[in-house]
Protein backbone atom coordinates (compact mmCIF):
# COMPACT_ATOMS: atom_id res chain seq x y z
CA MET A 1 7.33 43.52 41.74
CA ASN A 2 10.63 41.86 42.24
CA ALA A 3 13.04 40.33 39.71
CA ILE A 4 11.47 36.86 39.87
CA ASP A 5 8.09 38.32 38.92
CA TYR A 6 9.64 39.98 35.85
CA ILE A 7 11.31 36.70 34.86
CA ASP A 8 7.99 34.87 35.25
CA LEU A 9 6.21 37.48 33.10
CA ALA A 10 8.89 37.27 30.40
CA LEU A 11 8.67 33.47 30.37
CA LEU A 12 4.86 33.59 30.24
CA ALA A 13 4.95 36.13 27.39
CA SER A 14 7.38 34.02 25.33
CA LEU A 15 5.33 30.85 25.86
CA THR A 16 2.15 32.72 24.91
CA ALA A 17 3.80 33.98 21.73
CA ALA A 18 4.94 30.45 20.84
CA VAL A 19 1.46 29.00 21.38
CA LEU A 20 -0.16 31.78 19.31
CA TYR A 21 2.34 31.14 16.51
CA LEU A 22 1.50 27.41 16.49
CA CYS A 23 -2.23 28.20 16.48
CA PHE A 24 -1.66 30.55 13.53
CA LEU A 25 0.16 27.81 11.59
CA ALA A 26 -2.49 25.22 12.41
CA PHE A 27 -5.35 27.51 11.39
CA PHE A 28 -3.87 28.44 8.03
CA GLY A 29 -2.69 24.88 7.46
CA ILE A 30 -6.26 23.64 7.81
CA ILE A 31 -8.03 26.28 5.74
CA GLY A 32 -5.28 26.49 3.14
CA ARG A 33 -5.24 22.76 2.39
CA LYS A 34 -6.45 21.92 -1.08
CA LYS A 35 -8.16 18.67 -1.81
CA GLU A 36 -5.87 16.88 -4.24
CA ARG A 37 -7.45 15.24 -7.21
CA GLY A 38 -6.81 11.55 -7.52
CA VAL A 39 -4.23 10.64 -10.11
CA LEU A 40 -4.65 6.88 -9.94
CA GLY A 41 -6.46 6.73 -13.26
CA ASP A 42 -3.34 8.04 -14.96
CA TYR A 43 -1.18 5.14 -13.80
CA ARG A 44 -1.27 1.41 -14.50
CA PHE A 45 -0.19 -0.98 -11.76
CA LEU A 46 0.80 -4.63 -11.84
CA ILE A 47 0.10 -6.21 -8.47
CA LEU A 48 1.88 -9.53 -7.97
CA ILE A 49 0.96 -11.88 -5.15
CA PRO A 50 3.51 -14.65 -4.68
CA ALA A 51 1.83 -17.52 -2.86
CA HIS A 52 3.02 -20.91 -1.67
CA ASN A 53 0.27 -23.01 -0.08
CA GLU A 54 -1.80 -19.98 0.95
CA GLU A 55 -5.30 -21.31 0.26
CA THR A 56 -6.53 -20.24 3.71
CA ALA A 57 -5.24 -16.66 3.53
CA ILE A 58 -5.28 -15.52 -0.08
CA ALA A 59 -9.05 -14.96 -0.32
CA LYS A 60 -8.92 -12.24 2.35
CA THR A 61 -5.95 -10.62 0.61
CA LEU A 62 -7.84 -10.56 -2.69
CA GLU A 63 -10.91 -9.06 -1.02
CA SER A 64 -8.81 -6.25 0.42
CA LEU A 65 -7.27 -5.61 -3.01
CA LYS A 66 -10.75 -5.39 -4.56
CA CYS A 67 -11.39 -2.41 -2.27
CA LEU A 68 -8.57 -0.27 -3.69
CA GLU A 69 -9.45 3.35 -4.36
CA GLN A 70 -11.86 4.05 -7.16
CA GLY A 71 -9.95 4.70 -10.34
CA ALA A 72 -7.04 2.41 -9.53
CA ASN A 73 -6.02 0.84 -12.83
CA ALA A 74 -4.45 -2.36 -11.55
CA GLU A 75 -3.95 -5.85 -12.89
CA ILE A 76 -3.81 -8.34 -10.05
CA VAL A 77 -1.89 -11.57 -10.63
CA ALA A 78 -1.49 -14.38 -8.11
CA VAL A 79 1.61 -16.53 -8.55
CA ALA A 80 0.91 -20.01 -7.18
CA ASP A 81 4.46 -21.19 -6.55
CA ASN A 82 5.07 -24.91 -6.09
CA CYS A 83 1.70 -25.32 -4.38
CA ASP A 84 0.27 -28.64 -3.32
CA ASP A 85 -2.96 -27.18 -1.98
CA ARG A 86 -5.87 -25.23 -3.55
CA THR A 87 -4.15 -21.81 -3.66
CA ALA A 88 -4.59 -21.46 -7.44
CA GLU A 89 -8.27 -22.43 -7.37
CA VAL A 90 -9.04 -20.04 -4.49
CA ALA A 91 -7.25 -17.21 -6.28
CA ARG A 92 -9.15 -17.89 -9.52
CA ALA A 93 -12.40 -17.90 -7.58
CA GLY A 94 -11.33 -14.49 -6.25
CA GLY A 95 -11.42 -13.17 -9.80
CA VAL A 96 -7.73 -12.62 -10.50
CA ARG A 97 -5.39 -14.05 -13.08
CA VAL A 98 -3.31 -16.93 -11.74
CA LEU A 99 0.10 -18.07 -12.90
CA GLU A 100 1.05 -21.53 -11.69
CA ARG A 101 4.73 -22.32 -11.31
CA ASN A 102 6.24 -25.73 -10.57
CA ASP A 103 10.00 -25.72 -10.14
CA PRO A 104 11.09 -27.71 -7.08
CA GLN A 105 14.75 -26.83 -7.69
CA ASN A 106 14.15 -23.07 -7.51
CA ARG A 107 11.77 -22.54 -4.64
CA GLY A 108 10.91 -19.30 -2.92
CA LYS A 109 9.43 -15.88 -3.34
CA GLY A 110 12.36 -14.41 -5.25
CA PHE A 111 12.27 -17.12 -7.92
CA ALA A 112 8.48 -16.85 -8.18
CA LEU A 113 8.59 -13.08 -8.63
CA GLU A 114 11.38 -13.25 -11.21
CA TRP A 115 9.42 -15.88 -13.14
CA ALA A 116 6.20 -13.83 -13.04
CA ILE A 117 7.91 -10.58 -14.04
CA GLU A 118 9.50 -12.31 -17.04
CA ARG A 119 5.97 -13.09 -18.26
CA HIS A 120 4.91 -9.43 -18.34
CA ASN A 121 5.96 -6.51 -20.48
CA LEU A 122 6.87 -4.01 -17.79
CA ASP A 123 6.62 -1.18 -20.33
CA ASP A 124 2.84 -1.64 -20.03
CA TYR A 125 2.91 -0.60 -16.35
CA ASP A 126 3.98 2.42 -14.37
CA ALA A 127 4.70 0.42 -11.22
CA VAL A 128 4.92 -3.13 -9.96
CA VAL A 129 3.56 -3.78 -6.48
CA VAL A 130 4.27 -6.97 -4.53
CA VAL A 131 1.72 -7.98 -1.91
CA ASP A 132 2.28 -10.99 0.31
CA ALA A 133 -0.49 -13.59 0.09
CA ASP A 134 -1.47 -13.19 3.75
CA THR A 135 -1.59 -9.38 3.79
CA LEU A 136 -4.56 -7.03 4.08
CA VAL A 137 -4.07 -3.73 2.27
CA GLU A 138 -5.63 -0.32 2.82
CA GLU A 139 -7.79 1.18 0.10
CA ASN A 140 -5.26 3.98 -0.46
CA MET A 141 -2.25 1.68 -0.87
CA LEU A 142 -1.55 2.81 -4.40
């Protein structure tokens, strides 16, 4: 054997050791993983959906929110902001509470959220979540 063969063997041995180490970590990472208990029932969420003329999209958003993980303690509120379509009616039909806001001077999502938050006692909630009216959420969002 010449020097190049010894270098090749040393390189092969170090790569083998590295791969075995990664396999060791992966194996014990898989078998050592504990299934965490859900803690959603311990928390109360306020989910606000600011919506301006979103009658065509809000129903799908509400359907995705209805599929949140079991045990999610969430109050869902749609904020129909300066709407001139059926956004409020569609949201009510989706089974959520609707706040209707008409203030042409103060238009926009920021004003709508501020207005809606002022109408809730935030001490009653652990977190406030804002979901856009044309968004689909995953069941584990919370």
